[in-house]
Protein backbone atom coordinates (compact mmCIF):
# COMPACT_ATOMS: atom_id res chain seq x y z
CA MET A 1 -5.89 13.21 -3.51
CA LYS A 2 -2.97 15.38 -3.40
CA LEU A 3 -2.46 19.23 -4.63
CA VAL A 4 0.95 19.47 -5.25
CA ARG A 5 0.86 22.97 -7.37
CA LYS A 6 -1.72 24.87 -8.98
CA ASP A 7 -0.86 27.52 -11.42
CA LEU A 8 -3.93 29.39 -12.84
CA GLU A 9 -4.23 32.66 -14.66
CA LYS A 10 -6.91 35.39 -14.36
CA ASP A 11 -8.94 34.02 -17.42
CA ASN A 12 -8.93 30.44 -15.70
CA ALA A 13 -6.27 29.03 -18.23
CA GLY A 14 -3.27 27.20 -16.60
CA GLN A 15 -2.22 23.83 -14.89
CA VAL A 16 -2.59 21.82 -11.84
CA THR A 17 -0.33 19.26 -10.37
CA LEU A 18 -1.77 16.17 -8.63
CA ILE A 19 -1.30 12.86 -6.85
CA PRO A 20 -4.14 10.41 -6.65
CA GLU A 21 -3.99 8.37 -3.56
CA GLU A 22 -6.97 6.52 -3.51
CA PRO A 23 -8.83 4.18 -6.33
CA GLU A 24 -11.48 6.75 -5.60
CA ASP A 25 -9.34 9.64 -7.05
CA MET A 26 -8.92 7.88 -10.49
CA TRP A 27 -12.23 8.32 -10.89
CA HIS A 28 -12.35 12.05 -9.75
CA THR A 29 -9.22 12.43 -12.37
CA TYR A 30 -10.99 10.69 -15.03
CA ASN A 31 -13.98 13.43 -14.59
CA LEU A 32 -11.08 16.03 -14.43
CA LEU A 33 -9.63 15.50 -18.04
CA GLN A 34 -11.04 16.59 -21.32
CA VAL A 35 -10.26 15.89 -25.10
CA GLY A 36 -8.04 18.99 -25.68
CA ASP A 37 -6.51 19.27 -22.50
CA SER A 38 -2.33 18.72 -22.06
CA LEU A 39 -1.33 15.83 -19.69
CA ARG A 40 2.14 15.65 -18.68
CA ALA A 41 3.21 12.17 -16.78
CA SER A 42 5.78 9.68 -16.46
CA THR A 43 5.19 6.75 -18.65
CA ILE A 44 6.67 3.69 -20.05
CA ARG A 45 7.90 3.75 -24.05
CA LYS A 46 8.91 1.06 -25.99
CA VAL A 47 12.08 1.93 -27.70
CA GLN A 48 14.00 0.36 -30.56
CA THR A 49 17.78 0.23 -30.43
CA GLU A 50 20.77 -0.90 -33.00
CA SER A 51 23.92 -2.28 -31.90
CA ALA A 52 27.44 -1.84 -33.45
CA THR A 53 26.76 -4.90 -35.29
CA GLY A 54 23.65 -3.69 -36.94
CA SER A 55 21.15 -6.15 -34.94
CA VAL A 56 17.99 -4.80 -33.49
CA GLY A 57 16.50 -5.10 -29.98
CA SER A 58 14.07 -3.09 -27.83
CA ASN A 59 14.12 -1.56 -24.73
CA ARG A 60 11.22 -0.62 -22.24
CA ILE A 61 12.20 3.08 -20.60
CA ARG A 62 10.50 5.12 -18.45
CA THR A 63 10.24 8.54 -19.76
CA THR A 64 8.20 11.83 -18.65
CA LEU A 65 5.76 13.07 -21.76
CA THR A 66 3.58 15.61 -22.43
CA LEU A 67 0.29 14.77 -24.57
CA CYS A 68 -2.43 16.38 -26.30
CA VAL A 69 -5.32 14.35 -24.65
CA GLU A 70 -7.57 12.52 -27.77
CA ALA A 71 -9.21 9.77 -26.02
CA ILE A 72 -9.71 8.80 -22.11
CA ASP A 73 -10.64 4.99 -21.42
CA PHE A 74 -11.54 4.59 -17.89
CA ASP A 75 -12.05 0.88 -16.22
CA SER A 76 -14.31 1.44 -13.17
CA GLN A 77 -13.78 -2.00 -11.83
CA ALA A 78 -9.90 -1.91 -11.97
CA CYS A 79 -10.06 1.63 -11.09
CA GLN A 80 -7.34 2.17 -14.27
CA LEU A 81 -7.30 5.49 -16.52
CA ARG A 82 -5.45 5.12 -20.12
CA VAL A 83 -5.42 8.15 -21.75
CA LYS A 84 -4.37 8.33 -25.46
CA GLY A 85 -2.91 11.42 -27.32
CA THR A 86 -0.28 12.99 -29.23
CA ASN A 87 3.26 14.26 -27.97
CA ILE A 88 3.92 17.93 -28.18
CA GLN A 89 6.87 18.44 -26.17
CA GLU A 90 10.43 17.43 -27.12
CA ASN A 91 11.76 14.29 -26.12
CA GLU A 92 14.32 11.87 -26.70
CA TYR A 93 12.86 8.64 -27.20
CA VAL A 94 9.20 9.90 -29.01
CA LYS A 95 9.04 11.90 -31.71
CA MET A 96 6.95 15.00 -32.05
CA GLY A 97 3.16 14.61 -32.93
CA ALA A 98 3.79 10.48 -32.46
CA TYR A 99 0.87 8.61 -30.25
CA HIS A 100 1.42 7.50 -27.05
CA THR A 101 -1.00 6.03 -24.56
CA ILE A 102 -0.32 6.71 -20.74
CA GLU A 103 -1.71 4.66 -18.12
CA LEU A 104 -2.26 7.16 -14.88
CA GLU A 105 -1.65 5.59 -11.53
CA PRO A 106 -1.98 5.81 -7.84
CA ASN A 107 0.67 7.49 -6.40
CA ARG A 108 2.20 9.03 -9.44
CA GLN A 109 2.17 12.37 -10.06
CA PHE A 110 0.72 14.12 -13.09
CA THR A 111 0.46 17.44 -14.24
CA LEU A 112 -2.71 18.58 -16.07
CA ALA A 113 -3.42 21.80 -18.43
CA LYS A 114 -6.23 23.46 -19.36
CA LYS A 115 -7.01 26.32 -21.79
CA GLN A 116 -10.36 26.80 -19.34
CA TRP A 117 -10.42 25.70 -16.15
CA ASP A 118 -14.56 25.96 -15.03
CA SER A 119 -16.40 26.39 -11.53
CA VAL A 120 -17.35 22.41 -11.53
CA VAL A 121 -13.89 20.92 -12.64
CA LEU A 122 -12.10 23.48 -9.92
CA GLU A 123 -14.89 22.18 -7.20
CA ARG A 124 -14.20 18.58 -7.99
CA ILE A 125 -10.20 19.01 -7.13
CA GLU A 126 -11.44 20.91 -4.34
CA GLN A 127 -13.45 18.45 -3.19
CA ALA A 128 -10.90 15.41 -3.56
CA CYS A 129 -8.03 17.28 -2.12
CA ASP A 130 -10.27 17.87 0.92
CA PRO A 131 -10.50 15.05 3.41
CA ALA A 132 -13.47 16.84 5.40
CA TRP A 133 -15.56 16.41 1.74
CA SER A 134 -15.59 12.42 1.84
CA ALA A 135 -16.01 12.32 5.14
CA ASP A 136 -19.58 10.99 5.34
CA VAL A 137 -19.33 10.10 9.31
CA ALA A 138 -18.66 12.83 12.13
CA ALA A 139 -18.07 11.46 15.88
CA VAL A 140 -18.02 13.15 19.05
CA VAL A 141 -16.25 10.77 21.56
CA MET A 142 -17.01 12.31 25.25
CA HIS A 143 -16.65 11.56 29.07
CA GLU A 144 -16.90 14.27 31.42
CA GLY A 145 -14.76 16.97 30.75
CA LEU A 146 -12.90 15.69 27.80
CA ALA A 147 -14.40 15.16 24.57
CA HIS A 148 -12.99 14.81 20.80
CA VAL A 149 -14.72 15.98 17.36
CA CYS A 150 -13.68 13.80 14.67
CA LEU A 151 -14.58 13.41 11.13
CA VAL A 152 -14.69 9.77 9.41
CA THR A 153 -13.21 9.37 5.91
CA PRO A 154 -13.24 5.87 4.11
CA SER A 155 -9.27 5.84 4.59
CA MET A 156 -8.83 7.75 8.18
CA THR A 157 -9.95 9.84 11.29
CA LEU A 158 -9.19 13.34 11.57
CA THR A 159 -9.44 14.90 14.95
CA ARG A 160 -11.20 18.59 13.92
CA ALA A 161 -11.40 19.50 17.63
CA LYS A 162 -10.49 18.70 21.01
CA VAL A 163 -12.60 20.02 24.43
CA GLU A 164 -11.04 19.71 27.78
CA VAL A 165 -12.88 21.27 30.52
CA ASN A 166 -11.51 20.56 34.11
CA ILE A 167 -15.14 19.40 36.56
CA PRO A 168 -15.20 19.59 39.76
CA ARG A 169 -16.30 16.65 41.76
CA LYS A 170 -20.09 16.68 43.23
CA ARG A 171 -19.84 18.03 47.09
CA LYS A 172 -22.34 16.87 49.50
CA GLY A 173 -24.75 19.64 49.69
CA ASN A 174 -23.61 21.82 46.81
CA CYS A 175 -23.69 20.65 42.78
CA SER A 176 -23.53 24.22 41.68
CA GLN A 177 -19.87 24.33 40.86
CA HIS A 178 -19.74 20.65 39.25
CA ASP A 179 -22.89 21.78 37.19
CA ARG A 180 -21.73 25.03 36.04
CA ALA A 181 -18.45 23.28 34.65
CA LEU A 182 -20.47 20.62 33.03
CA GLU A 183 -22.91 23.18 31.25
CA ARG A 184 -19.69 25.03 30.35
CA PHE A 185 -18.19 21.89 28.90
CA TYR A 186 -21.19 20.79 26.78
CA GLU A 187 -21.54 24.26 25.45
CA GLN A 188 -17.68 24.41 23.98
CA VAL A 189 -18.76 20.98 22.42
CA VAL A 190 -21.86 21.98 20.86
CA GLN A 191 -19.45 24.76 19.42
CA ALA A 192 -17.06 22.56 18.06
CA ILE A 193 -19.68 20.55 16.48
CA GLN A 194 -21.01 23.31 14.81
CA ARG A 195 -17.45 24.56 13.57
CA HIS A 196 -16.39 21.55 12.61
CA ILE A 197 -18.83 19.36 11.11
CA ASN A 198 -20.69 20.04 7.68
CA PHE A 199 -24.11 18.70 7.76
CA GLU A 200 -24.14 18.99 4.11
CA VAL A 201 -21.86 16.39 3.62
CA VAL A 202 -22.07 14.50 6.61
CA LYS A 203 -24.65 11.64 6.91
CA CYS A 204 -24.72 10.41 10.31
CA VAL A 205 -22.89 11.82 13.58
CA LEU A 206 -21.94 9.32 16.41
CA VAL A 207 -22.02 10.45 19.79
CA ALA A 208 -20.14 8.00 22.16
CA SER A 209 -19.68 7.94 25.62
CA PRO A 210 -19.39 5.81 28.60
CA GLY A 211 -22.50 6.09 31.12
CA PHE A 212 -24.81 8.49 30.56
CA VAL A 213 -22.97 11.00 29.21
CA ARG A 214 -24.21 11.37 25.86
CA GLU A 215 -27.91 11.18 26.92
CA GLN A 216 -27.31 14.49 29.14
CA PHE A 217 -25.01 15.93 26.58
CA CYS A 218 -27.73 15.33 23.79
CA ASP A 219 -30.67 16.52 25.85
CA TYR A 220 -28.55 19.77 26.43
CA MET A 221 -27.79 20.56 23.08
CA PHE A 222 -31.25 20.32 21.78
CA GLN A 223 -32.98 21.96 24.77
CA MET A 224 -30.85 24.63 23.83
CA ALA A 225 -31.19 24.49 20.08
CA VAL A 226 -34.91 25.01 20.81
CA LYS A 227 -34.25 28.00 23.34
CA THR A 228 -32.06 29.63 20.68
CA ASP A 229 -34.06 28.53 17.60
CA ASN A 230 -30.88 26.93 15.92
CA LYS A 231 -31.88 25.67 12.35
CA LEU A 232 -29.00 23.69 11.70
CA LEU A 233 -28.97 21.38 15.12
CA LEU A 234 -32.71 21.25 14.89
CA GLU A 235 -32.80 20.28 11.18
CA ASN A 236 -29.92 17.68 11.78
CA ARG A 237 -31.63 16.16 14.71
CA SER A 238 -32.38 12.82 12.77
CA LYS A 239 -28.37 12.47 11.92
CA PHE A 240 -27.35 12.04 15.26
CA LEU A 241 -26.95 8.31 16.79
CA GLN A 242 -25.66 7.58 20.43
CA VAL A 243 -23.61 4.62 20.76
CA HIS A 244 -21.81 3.29 24.01
CA SER A 245 -17.63 3.84 23.89
CA SER A 246 -15.33 3.09 27.09
CA SER A 247 -13.88 6.68 26.96
CA GLY A 248 -13.80 10.30 25.54
CA HIS A 249 -10.19 9.46 23.61
CA LYS A 250 -10.17 8.93 20.34
CA TYR A 251 -9.12 5.32 20.25
CA ALA A 252 -12.90 4.63 21.72
CA LEU A 253 -14.02 5.53 18.24
CA LYS A 254 -13.04 2.40 17.26
CA GLU A 255 -15.67 0.47 19.76
CA ALA A 256 -18.40 3.05 18.60
CA LEU A 257 -17.86 2.19 14.80
CA CYS A 258 -18.14 -1.50 15.14
CA ASP A 259 -21.58 -1.54 16.77
CA PRO A 260 -24.02 -3.34 14.82
CA ALA A 261 -26.43 -0.15 15.30
CA VAL A 262 -23.67 1.93 13.73
CA THR A 263 -22.67 -0.72 10.77
CA SER A 264 -26.51 -0.84 9.47
CA ARG A 265 -26.99 2.80 9.52
CA LEU A 266 -23.94 3.74 7.89
CA SER A 267 -23.81 1.40 4.74
CA ASP A 268 -23.48 3.43 2.24
CA THR A 269 -23.98 6.62 3.69
CA LYS A 270 -22.17 7.98 0.36
CA ALA A 271 -24.90 7.82 -1.76
CA ALA A 272 -27.85 8.31 0.56
CA GLY A 273 -28.40 11.95 0.23
CA GLU A 274 -28.23 11.51 -3.78
CA VAL A 275 -30.70 8.61 -3.17
CA LYS A 276 -32.80 10.80 -1.04
CA ALA A 277 -32.96 13.56 -3.48
CA LEU A 278 -33.84 11.54 -6.78
CA ASP A 279 -36.69 9.87 -4.70
CA ASP A 280 -38.09 13.41 -3.70
CA PHE A 281 -37.74 14.10 -7.43
CA TYR A 282 -39.92 10.95 -8.00
CA LYS A 283 -42.94 11.77 -5.45
CA MET A 284 -42.64 15.45 -7.15
CA LEU A 285 -42.93 14.41 -10.63
CA GLN A 286 -46.27 12.62 -9.63
CA HIS A 287 -48.01 14.78 -7.32
CA GLU A 288 -47.13 17.99 -8.24
CA PRO A 289 -45.80 17.32 -12.12
CA ASP A 290 -45.33 21.18 -12.50
CA ARG A 291 -42.80 21.43 -10.18
CA ALA A 292 -40.65 18.42 -11.41
CA PHE A 293 -38.76 19.37 -14.65
CA TYR A 294 -36.30 17.15 -16.61
CA GLY A 295 -34.70 17.74 -19.95
CA LEU A 296 -32.25 20.30 -20.36
CA LYS A 297 -34.61 22.69 -22.50
CA HIS A 298 -36.81 22.31 -19.83
CA VAL A 299 -34.54 22.86 -16.50
CA GLU A 300 -32.98 25.64 -18.32
CA LYS A 301 -36.55 27.47 -18.83
CA ALA A 302 -37.37 26.85 -14.63
CA ASN A 303 -34.06 28.47 -13.99
CA GLU A 304 -34.85 31.83 -16.20
CA ALA A 305 -38.03 31.98 -13.80
CA ILE A 306 -35.58 31.46 -10.71
CA ALA A 307 -37.92 28.88 -9.75
CA ILE A 308 -35.00 25.89 -9.11
CA ASP A 309 -35.17 24.52 -5.50
CA THR A 310 -32.51 21.34 -6.26
CA LEU A 311 -30.78 20.69 -9.24
CA LEU A 312 -29.99 17.10 -9.89
CA ILE A 313 -27.11 16.55 -12.78
CA SER A 314 -24.95 13.64 -13.57
CA ASP A 315 -21.26 14.13 -13.86
CA GLU A 316 -21.33 12.63 -17.43
CA LEU A 317 -22.44 15.44 -18.56
CA PHE A 318 -19.59 17.58 -17.97
CA ARG A 319 -17.59 14.89 -19.81
CA HIS A 320 -19.17 15.91 -22.94
CA GLN A 321 -17.24 16.16 -26.29
CA ASP A 322 -18.57 19.31 -27.45
CA VAL A 323 -17.27 22.48 -25.63
CA ALA A 324 -20.03 24.57 -26.07
CA THR A 325 -22.49 21.88 -24.45
CA ARG A 326 -20.42 21.39 -21.48
CA ALA A 327 -19.94 25.07 -21.14
CA ARG A 328 -23.94 25.13 -20.85
CA TYR A 329 -23.96 22.69 -17.79
CA VAL A 330 -21.58 24.22 -16.15
CA LYS A 331 -23.28 27.81 -16.62
CA LEU A 332 -26.53 25.95 -15.29
CA VAL A 333 -24.64 25.32 -12.60
CA ASP A 334 -23.37 28.26 -11.41
CA SER A 335 -26.69 30.23 -12.21
CA VAL A 336 -28.72 27.47 -10.04
CA ARG A 337 -25.97 28.47 -7.21
CA GLU A 338 -26.54 32.01 -7.80
CA ASN A 339 -29.84 32.01 -7.50
CA MET A 340 -29.53 30.24 -4.26
CA GLY A 341 -30.59 26.37 -5.24
CA THR A 342 -28.89 23.65 -4.08
CA VAL A 343 -26.63 21.37 -6.67
CA ARG A 344 -26.53 17.90 -6.21
CA ILE A 345 -23.88 16.23 -8.63
CA PHE A 346 -24.46 12.41 -9.25
CA SER A 347 -21.70 10.11 -9.99
CA SER A 348 -22.64 7.92 -12.83
CA LEU A 349 -20.98 5.12 -11.41
CA HIS A 350 -23.72 5.04 -8.19
CA VAL A 351 -27.25 3.47 -9.01
CA SER A 352 -28.87 6.45 -8.40
CA GLY A 353 -26.60 8.08 -11.21
CA GLU A 354 -27.71 5.40 -13.53
CA GLN A 355 -31.31 6.39 -12.79
CA LEU A 356 -30.74 10.15 -13.45
CA GLY A 357 -28.95 9.33 -16.64
CA GLN A 358 -32.12 7.60 -17.68
CA LEU A 359 -33.92 11.05 -17.20
CA THR A 360 -31.21 12.81 -19.50
CA GLY A 361 -29.15 13.13 -16.69
CA VAL A 362 -30.59 16.64 -15.42
CA ALA A 363 -33.70 17.31 -13.29
CA ALA A 364 -34.90 20.03 -11.18
CA ILE A 365 -37.51 20.07 -8.10
CA LEU A 366 -39.06 23.89 -8.45
CA ARG A 367 -39.68 26.08 -5.71
CA PHE A 368 -42.99 26.82 -7.03
CA PRO A 369 -44.99 25.52 -10.74
CA VAL A 370 -43.85 26.87 -13.94
CA ALA A 371 -46.15 26.25 -17.29
CA GLU A 372 -45.26 23.56 -19.53
CA LEU A 373 -43.07 24.40 -22.76
CA SER A 374 -44.65 23.91 -26.14
CA ASP A 375 -44.50 20.35 -27.69
CA GLN A 376 -42.57 22.22 -30.34
CA GLU A 377 -39.67 23.25 -28.07
CA GLU A 378 -40.33 19.79 -26.18
CA GLU A 379 -39.13 17.86 -29.76
CA SER A 380 -36.15 20.49 -30.08
CA SER A 381 -35.19 19.65 -26.52
CA SER A 382 -35.07 15.76 -26.73
CA GLU A 383 -32.80 16.40 -29.94
CA GLU A 384 -30.14 18.48 -28.17
CA ASP A 385 -30.07 16.22 -24.99
């Protein structure tokens, strides 16, 4: 997704102009749109014309309309998005208040205006427009003295850092200069990894090189991580995968990605984090039910006690027609984040999102047990959900 322009006021009213570039961007757009928003986009309208002789014909004319959104229809298979609403801006072909359906398309600009842009919607724009958020895979392609730190998205590879250090040759009886330069090189690569790789998003880091460079580098990195108690690297150690490449140049990454061990590891990396979070929730529900809540009322009560460690919530809930209900879910997400909890927003298109939907679409893993709600509250909670 490409962000063309963002004009927001202090009260978070305003408009955003975007260009969806991939099929997945149509899904993001569907989640941004809400009934009552105003949408401006190019569209085709059938217009009746009358000739001088009185014969009536019709032409299809491309024009730009601004609609007040009344209905949104998304076809997930074809990634097509149709938005129905009434015209709210003067147009030579369409009367004010007349109904029209705009079909949003990839690579065609649209402007969306809202009375209130909430934190969840703004975060979705940020993630859709920042390629780093769709990069499930990171890679370090290296040989002695040269390394490229890259992010691999579904559509492109982005070089985030290039590390070059001159490594003197080993001399007979004196290897100290070579070893010191090699250590300096490894240290710079480790710093680049920590600076440019977001381990919350990245599910796998490929370390590719010819010879034994990758093994030596990984040994160095994790020895230093143990010495300095670097929790970021130690906690994500399992994400590093060593593979062969012919050199440290960026083009060698293609060989690494074709490795069978890599392709099996990378299958469906995007959903892997959500699947694990849901699995952790079910395990908790089985072994410590007082630390696994689902249903809006239960989860809100746990949040009041600042007990939520991980909140699992379906993006479907943010498309709720009722503004007050939607605001309630947004408030819950903001509150959990303020209390240093982790929030995972599940896509209802994924299998894990469908499973979460069967649990009311909102669930939480708690830091400590919280007493259950009374039966009476439980009944009112099921009505609300």
